[in-house]
């Protein structure tokens, strides 16, 4: 999908938690660059859990609403489950990262992250935020 990107959990963590104005500028560029911003429901889960643990339920709910306003969630279906399992088997990734990577591959768009292990996957386009 042209002008689209899948945004990783680490992007959202940096977006909401980084105190650096330089990082904020780089993240904003990547955000604007993608007209179609996709986020796996696995990313929503990871980020909500992290925010719940660190900031509490009210903040987690507010941030989740903001993400759902600006990003299109991609559900995990049988196809993504199998693709993710193949990636996990071949690379030893976590369940979450394997599903997020499979989402980007299936959607035909890059993944926006600073997680270096995504670079190990043949056919996965990446745009780094660091």
N, C-alpha and C. Protein backbone atom coordinates (compact mmCIF):
# COMPACT_ATOMS: atom_id res chain seq x y z
N UNK A 1 0.85 -1.18 0.00
CA UNK A 1 0.00 0.00 0.00
C UNK A 1 0.89 1.24 0.00
N UNK A 2 0.75 2.08 -1.02
CA UNK A 2 1.57 3.28 -1.12
C UNK A 2 1.20 4.27 -0.01
N UNK A 3 2.18 4.99 0.45
CA UNK A 3 1.99 6.01 1.50
C UNK A 3 1.48 5.42 2.81
N UNK A 4 1.76 4.15 3.06
CA UNK A 4 1.32 3.50 4.29
C UNK A 4 2.52 3.00 5.06
N UNK A 5 2.33 2.80 6.35
CA UNK A 5 3.36 2.21 7.21
C UNK A 5 2.70 1.57 8.41
N UNK A 6 3.34 0.52 8.91
CA UNK A 6 2.93 -0.11 10.16
C UNK A 6 3.85 0.45 11.24
N UNK A 7 3.26 0.94 12.29
CA UNK A 7 4.02 1.55 13.38
C UNK A 7 4.15 0.55 14.53
N UNK A 8 5.39 0.33 14.94
CA UNK A 8 5.73 -0.63 15.99
C UNK A 8 5.47 -0.03 17.37
N UNK A 9 5.39 -0.88 18.36
CA UNK A 9 5.20 -0.47 19.75
C UNK A 9 6.27 0.53 20.18
N UNK A 10 7.51 0.29 19.75
CA UNK A 10 8.60 1.19 20.15
C UNK A 10 8.41 2.59 19.60
N UNK A 11 7.75 2.73 18.45
CA UNK A 11 7.42 4.06 17.94
C UNK A 11 6.48 4.77 18.92
N UNK A 12 5.43 4.07 19.34
CA UNK A 12 4.47 4.69 20.26
C UNK A 12 5.11 5.03 21.60
N UNK A 13 5.98 4.15 22.08
CA UNK A 13 6.67 4.43 23.34
C UNK A 13 7.49 5.71 23.21
N UNK A 14 8.25 5.82 22.13
CA UNK A 14 9.05 7.02 21.92
C UNK A 14 8.17 8.25 21.74
N UNK A 15 7.07 8.10 21.02
CA UNK A 15 6.16 9.21 20.77
C UNK A 15 5.58 9.77 22.07
N UNK A 16 5.16 8.90 22.96
CA UNK A 16 4.49 9.34 24.18
C UNK A 16 5.43 9.56 25.36
N UNK A 17 6.61 8.95 25.34
CA UNK A 17 7.46 8.99 26.53
C UNK A 17 8.78 9.74 26.36
N UNK A 18 9.20 10.02 25.14
CA UNK A 18 10.51 10.65 24.96
C UNK A 18 10.48 12.13 25.35
N UNK A 19 11.43 12.54 26.18
CA UNK A 19 11.50 13.96 26.54
C UNK A 19 12.31 14.79 25.53
N UNK A 20 12.88 14.14 24.54
CA UNK A 20 13.78 14.82 23.60
C UNK A 20 13.01 15.51 22.47
N UNK A 21 13.18 16.82 22.31
CA UNK A 21 12.55 17.53 21.19
C UNK A 21 13.05 17.03 19.83
N UNK A 22 14.31 16.61 19.75
CA UNK A 22 14.85 16.08 18.50
C UNK A 22 14.15 14.78 18.10
N UNK A 23 13.96 13.90 19.07
CA UNK A 23 13.25 12.65 18.81
C UNK A 23 11.81 12.96 18.39
N UNK A 24 11.17 13.89 19.06
CA UNK A 24 9.79 14.26 18.74
C UNK A 24 9.68 14.75 17.29
N UNK A 25 10.64 15.54 16.83
CA UNK A 25 10.63 16.02 15.44
C UNK A 25 10.76 14.87 14.45
N UNK A 26 11.69 13.94 14.73
CA UNK A 26 11.87 12.79 13.83
C UNK A 26 10.62 11.92 13.78
N UNK A 27 10.01 11.72 14.94
CA UNK A 27 8.79 10.90 14.99
C UNK A 27 7.65 11.58 14.23
N UNK A 28 7.54 12.87 14.38
CA UNK A 28 6.49 13.60 13.67
C UNK A 28 6.67 13.49 12.16
N UNK A 29 7.92 13.55 11.68
CA UNK A 29 8.19 13.40 10.25
C UNK A 29 7.71 12.04 9.75
N UNK A 30 8.01 10.99 10.50
CA UNK A 30 7.58 9.65 10.10
C UNK A 30 6.05 9.52 10.16
N UNK A 31 5.46 10.13 11.14
CA UNK A 31 4.01 10.11 11.28
C UNK A 31 3.34 10.78 10.08
N UNK A 32 3.82 11.96 9.71
CA UNK A 32 3.24 12.71 8.60
C UNK A 32 3.53 12.03 7.26
N UNK A 33 4.67 11.43 7.15
CA UNK A 33 5.09 10.76 5.91
C UNK A 33 4.10 9.67 5.49
N UNK A 34 3.51 9.00 6.44
CA UNK A 34 2.58 7.91 6.16
C UNK A 34 1.14 8.44 6.21
N UNK A 35 0.52 8.51 5.06
CA UNK A 35 -0.88 8.95 5.02
C UNK A 35 -1.79 7.89 5.62
N UNK A 36 -1.41 6.62 5.45
CA UNK A 36 -2.18 5.51 6.01
C UNK A 36 -1.35 4.89 7.13
N UNK A 37 -1.69 5.24 8.35
CA UNK A 37 -0.94 4.78 9.52
C UNK A 37 -1.63 3.55 10.10
N UNK A 38 -0.92 2.43 10.04
CA UNK A 38 -1.46 1.16 10.53
C UNK A 38 -0.78 0.77 11.83
N UNK A 39 -1.54 0.11 12.68
CA UNK A 39 -1.00 -0.39 13.93
C UNK A 39 -1.66 -1.74 14.22
N UNK A 40 -0.85 -2.73 14.50
CA UNK A 40 -1.38 -4.05 14.84
C UNK A 40 -2.11 -3.98 16.17
N UNK A 41 -3.15 -4.78 16.30
CA UNK A 41 -3.83 -4.84 17.60
C UNK A 41 -2.88 -5.36 18.68
N UNK A 42 -1.85 -6.08 18.28
CA UNK A 42 -0.83 -6.54 19.24
C UNK A 42 -0.07 -5.33 19.79
N UNK A 43 0.22 -4.37 18.94
CA UNK A 43 0.87 -3.12 19.38
C UNK A 43 -0.04 -2.38 20.35
N UNK A 44 -1.32 -2.31 20.03
CA UNK A 44 -2.27 -1.66 20.95
C UNK A 44 -2.24 -2.33 22.32
N UNK A 45 -2.22 -3.65 22.31
CA UNK A 45 -2.16 -4.40 23.57
C UNK A 45 -0.88 -4.06 24.35
N UNK A 46 0.25 -4.15 23.67
CA UNK A 46 1.53 -3.89 24.35
C UNK A 46 1.59 -2.48 24.91
N UNK A 47 1.19 -1.51 24.12
CA UNK A 47 1.30 -0.11 24.57
C UNK A 47 0.30 0.19 25.68
N UNK A 48 -0.91 -0.35 25.58
CA UNK A 48 -1.90 -0.14 26.63
C UNK A 48 -1.41 -0.73 27.95
N UNK A 49 -0.88 -1.96 27.88
CA UNK A 49 -0.37 -2.62 29.10
C UNK A 49 0.76 -1.81 29.72
N UNK A 50 1.69 -1.35 28.90
CA UNK A 50 2.81 -0.55 29.39
C UNK A 50 2.32 0.73 30.05
N UNK A 51 1.39 1.42 29.42
CA UNK A 51 0.87 2.66 29.97
C UNK A 51 0.05 2.41 31.23
N UNK A 52 -0.72 1.34 31.23
CA UNK A 52 -1.49 0.96 32.41
C UNK A 52 -0.57 0.75 33.61
N UNK A 53 0.54 0.05 33.39
CA UNK A 53 1.49 -0.22 34.47
C UNK A 53 2.21 1.03 34.95
N UNK A 54 2.52 1.95 34.03
CA UNK A 54 3.33 3.11 34.37
C UNK A 54 2.55 4.39 34.69
N UNK A 55 1.37 4.53 34.09
CA UNK A 55 0.64 5.79 34.25
C UNK A 55 -0.78 5.62 34.77
N UNK A 56 -1.28 4.39 34.80
CA UNK A 56 -2.62 4.14 35.31
C UNK A 56 -3.67 4.03 34.21
N UNK A 57 -4.84 3.57 34.62
CA UNK A 57 -5.93 3.27 33.69
C UNK A 57 -6.43 4.50 32.94
N UNK A 58 -6.59 5.63 33.60
CA UNK A 58 -7.12 6.82 32.94
C UNK A 58 -6.21 7.27 31.80
N UNK A 59 -4.92 7.33 32.06
CA UNK A 59 -3.96 7.74 31.01
C UNK A 59 -3.92 6.69 29.90
N UNK A 60 -3.96 5.42 30.27
CA UNK A 60 -3.94 4.35 29.26
C UNK A 60 -5.15 4.48 28.33
N UNK A 61 -6.30 4.75 28.88
CA UNK A 61 -7.51 4.90 28.06
C UNK A 61 -7.42 6.12 27.15
N UNK A 62 -6.93 7.23 27.67
CA UNK A 62 -6.79 8.45 26.86
C UNK A 62 -5.81 8.24 25.71
N UNK A 63 -4.69 7.62 26.01
CA UNK A 63 -3.70 7.39 24.95
C UNK A 63 -4.22 6.39 23.92
N UNK A 64 -4.94 5.40 24.37
CA UNK A 64 -5.52 4.43 23.44
C UNK A 64 -6.51 5.13 22.50
N UNK A 65 -7.33 6.02 23.04
CA UNK A 65 -8.27 6.77 22.21
C UNK A 65 -7.52 7.62 21.17
N UNK A 66 -6.43 8.24 21.59
CA UNK A 66 -5.64 9.06 20.66
C UNK A 66 -5.05 8.20 19.54
N UNK A 67 -4.56 7.04 19.89
CA UNK A 67 -3.99 6.13 18.89
C UNK A 67 -5.08 5.68 17.92
N UNK A 68 -6.23 5.31 18.42
CA UNK A 68 -7.31 4.84 17.56
C UNK A 68 -7.85 5.96 16.66
N UNK A 69 -7.69 7.18 17.07
CA UNK A 69 -8.11 8.33 16.25
C UNK A 69 -7.16 8.54 15.07
N UNK A 70 -5.87 8.27 15.29
CA UNK A 70 -4.85 8.60 14.30
C UNK A 70 -4.28 7.42 13.53
N UNK A 71 -4.56 6.22 13.98
CA UNK A 71 -4.03 5.01 13.36
C UNK A 71 -5.17 4.04 13.06
N UNK A 72 -5.00 3.24 12.03
CA UNK A 72 -5.98 2.21 11.70
C UNK A 72 -5.50 0.89 12.28
N UNK A 73 -6.27 0.29 13.18
CA UNK A 73 -5.85 -1.00 13.75
C UNK A 73 -6.01 -2.13 12.73
N UNK A 74 -5.07 -3.06 12.77
CA UNK A 74 -5.11 -4.25 11.92
C UNK A 74 -5.29 -5.45 12.84
N UNK A 75 -6.41 -6.14 12.66
CA UNK A 75 -6.71 -7.31 13.48
C UNK A 75 -5.82 -8.49 13.10
N UNK A 76 -5.61 -9.37 14.06
CA UNK A 76 -4.89 -10.61 13.80
C UNK A 76 -5.93 -11.64 13.34
N UNK A 77 -5.73 -12.14 12.14
CA UNK A 77 -6.60 -13.19 11.62
C UNK A 77 -5.77 -14.46 11.43
N UNK A 78 -6.38 -15.49 10.87
CA UNK A 78 -5.68 -16.77 10.70
C UNK A 78 -4.43 -16.61 9.83
N UNK A 79 -4.53 -15.81 8.76
CA UNK A 79 -3.39 -15.60 7.88
C UNK A 79 -2.21 -14.97 8.62
N UNK A 80 -2.48 -13.92 9.40
CA UNK A 80 -1.39 -13.27 10.15
C UNK A 80 -0.83 -14.18 11.23
N UNK A 81 -1.68 -14.99 11.83
CA UNK A 81 -1.21 -15.92 12.85
C UNK A 81 -0.20 -16.89 12.26
N UNK A 82 -0.50 -17.43 11.07
CA UNK A 82 0.41 -18.38 10.42
C UNK A 82 1.68 -17.68 9.95
N UNK A 83 1.53 -16.52 9.31
CA UNK A 83 2.72 -15.77 8.86
C UNK A 83 3.62 -15.40 10.04
N UNK A 84 3.00 -14.97 11.13
CA UNK A 84 3.77 -14.63 12.33
C UNK A 84 4.49 -15.82 12.91
N UNK A 85 3.82 -16.98 12.92
CA UNK A 85 4.45 -18.20 13.43
C UNK A 85 5.66 -18.59 12.59
N UNK A 86 5.54 -18.42 11.27
CA UNK A 86 6.68 -18.72 10.38
C UNK A 86 7.85 -17.81 10.70
N UNK A 87 7.59 -16.53 10.90
CA UNK A 87 8.67 -15.59 11.24
C UNK A 87 9.26 -15.91 12.61
N UNK A 88 8.41 -16.22 13.54
CA UNK A 88 8.88 -16.55 14.89
C UNK A 88 9.76 -17.79 14.86
N UNK A 89 9.35 -18.78 14.11
CA UNK A 89 10.13 -20.01 13.99
C UNK A 89 11.49 -19.75 13.32
N UNK A 90 11.48 -18.95 12.28
CA UNK A 90 12.71 -18.70 11.53
C UNK A 90 13.68 -17.75 12.20
N UNK A 91 13.16 -16.86 13.06
CA UNK A 91 14.02 -15.83 13.62
C UNK A 91 14.05 -15.79 15.15
N UNK A 92 13.17 -16.53 15.79
CA UNK A 92 13.15 -16.53 17.25
C UNK A 92 12.60 -15.26 17.87
N UNK A 93 11.77 -14.53 17.12
CA UNK A 93 11.19 -13.30 17.65
C UNK A 93 10.13 -13.61 18.69
N UNK A 94 9.75 -12.59 19.42
CA UNK A 94 8.62 -12.71 20.33
C UNK A 94 7.34 -12.85 19.51
N UNK A 95 6.29 -13.34 20.14
CA UNK A 95 5.01 -13.44 19.46
C UNK A 95 4.59 -12.08 18.92
N UNK A 96 4.70 -11.05 19.75
CA UNK A 96 4.26 -9.71 19.33
C UNK A 96 5.04 -9.22 18.11
N UNK A 97 6.36 -9.28 18.16
CA UNK A 97 7.16 -8.79 17.04
C UNK A 97 6.93 -9.60 15.77
N UNK A 98 6.69 -10.89 15.91
CA UNK A 98 6.46 -11.70 14.72
C UNK A 98 5.12 -11.33 14.07
N UNK A 99 4.11 -11.04 14.85
CA UNK A 99 2.81 -10.63 14.30
C UNK A 99 2.91 -9.23 13.69
N UNK A 100 3.60 -8.32 14.36
CA UNK A 100 3.75 -6.95 13.84
C UNK A 100 4.52 -6.98 12.51
N UNK A 101 5.59 -7.76 12.44
CA UNK A 101 6.35 -7.88 11.19
C UNK A 101 5.51 -8.52 10.09
N UNK A 102 4.76 -9.56 10.42
CA UNK A 102 3.89 -10.21 9.43
C UNK A 102 2.83 -9.24 8.91
N UNK A 103 2.37 -8.36 9.77
CA UNK A 103 1.39 -7.35 9.35
C UNK A 103 1.98 -6.43 8.30
N UNK A 104 3.19 -5.95 8.54
CA UNK A 104 3.84 -5.06 7.58
C UNK A 104 4.09 -5.76 6.25
N UNK A 105 4.53 -7.00 6.31
CA UNK A 105 4.80 -7.75 5.08
C UNK A 105 3.50 -7.94 4.30
N UNK A 106 2.45 -8.37 4.97
CA UNK A 106 1.19 -8.62 4.28
C UNK A 106 0.61 -7.33 3.69
N UNK A 107 0.74 -6.23 4.41
CA UNK A 107 0.20 -4.96 3.94
C UNK A 107 1.08 -4.33 2.86
N UNK A 108 2.28 -4.88 2.68
CA UNK A 108 3.18 -4.37 1.65
C UNK A 108 3.72 -2.98 1.94
N UNK A 109 3.96 -2.72 3.21
CA UNK A 109 4.47 -1.40 3.58
C UNK A 109 5.57 -1.55 4.64
N UNK A 110 6.35 -0.50 4.84
CA UNK A 110 7.43 -0.59 5.82
C UNK A 110 6.91 -0.58 7.25
N UNK A 111 7.78 -1.03 8.13
CA UNK A 111 7.51 -0.94 9.55
C UNK A 111 8.37 0.19 10.09
N UNK A 112 7.77 1.04 10.91
CA UNK A 112 8.49 2.18 11.49
C UNK A 112 8.84 1.79 12.93
N UNK A 113 10.15 1.69 13.18
CA UNK A 113 10.63 1.22 14.48
C UNK A 113 12.10 1.58 14.62
N UNK A 114 12.62 1.38 15.80
CA UNK A 114 14.08 1.46 15.99
C UNK A 114 14.60 0.12 16.50
N UNK A 115 13.80 -0.92 16.31
CA UNK A 115 14.16 -2.26 16.76
C UNK A 115 15.01 -2.93 15.69
N UNK A 116 16.31 -3.14 15.95
CA UNK A 116 17.20 -3.62 14.89
C UNK A 116 16.90 -5.03 14.39
N UNK A 117 16.24 -5.87 15.17
CA UNK A 117 16.05 -7.23 14.68
C UNK A 117 15.05 -7.31 13.52
N UNK A 118 14.25 -6.28 13.29
CA UNK A 118 13.37 -6.29 12.13
C UNK A 118 14.18 -6.30 10.83
N UNK A 119 15.40 -5.80 10.89
CA UNK A 119 16.27 -5.80 9.71
C UNK A 119 16.70 -7.19 9.27
N UNK A 120 16.50 -8.19 10.12
CA UNK A 120 16.88 -9.57 9.79
C UNK A 120 15.89 -10.25 8.85
N UNK A 121 14.71 -9.68 8.67
CA UNK A 121 13.65 -10.36 7.93
C UNK A 121 13.71 -9.96 6.46
N UNK A 122 13.96 -10.95 5.63
CA UNK A 122 13.99 -10.72 4.19
C UNK A 122 12.59 -10.32 3.71
N UNK A 123 12.54 -9.26 2.92
CA UNK A 123 11.27 -8.80 2.38
C UNK A 123 10.55 -7.80 3.25
N UNK A 124 11.06 -7.54 4.45
CA UNK A 124 10.45 -6.55 5.32
C UNK A 124 11.16 -5.22 5.14
N UNK A 125 10.43 -4.24 4.70
CA UNK A 125 10.99 -2.90 4.56
C UNK A 125 10.90 -2.21 5.93
N UNK A 126 11.93 -1.45 6.25
CA UNK A 126 11.94 -0.77 7.54
C UNK A 126 12.29 0.70 7.34
N UNK A 127 11.76 1.51 8.22
CA UNK A 127 12.18 2.91 8.35
C UNK A 127 12.51 3.10 9.82
N UNK A 128 13.74 3.48 10.05
CA UNK A 128 14.22 3.58 11.43
C UNK A 128 13.93 4.94 12.03
N UNK A 129 13.58 4.95 13.30
CA UNK A 129 13.27 6.20 13.99
C UNK A 129 14.42 6.68 14.85
N UNK A 130 15.51 5.94 14.92
CA UNK A 130 16.61 6.41 15.78
C UNK A 130 17.68 7.08 14.97
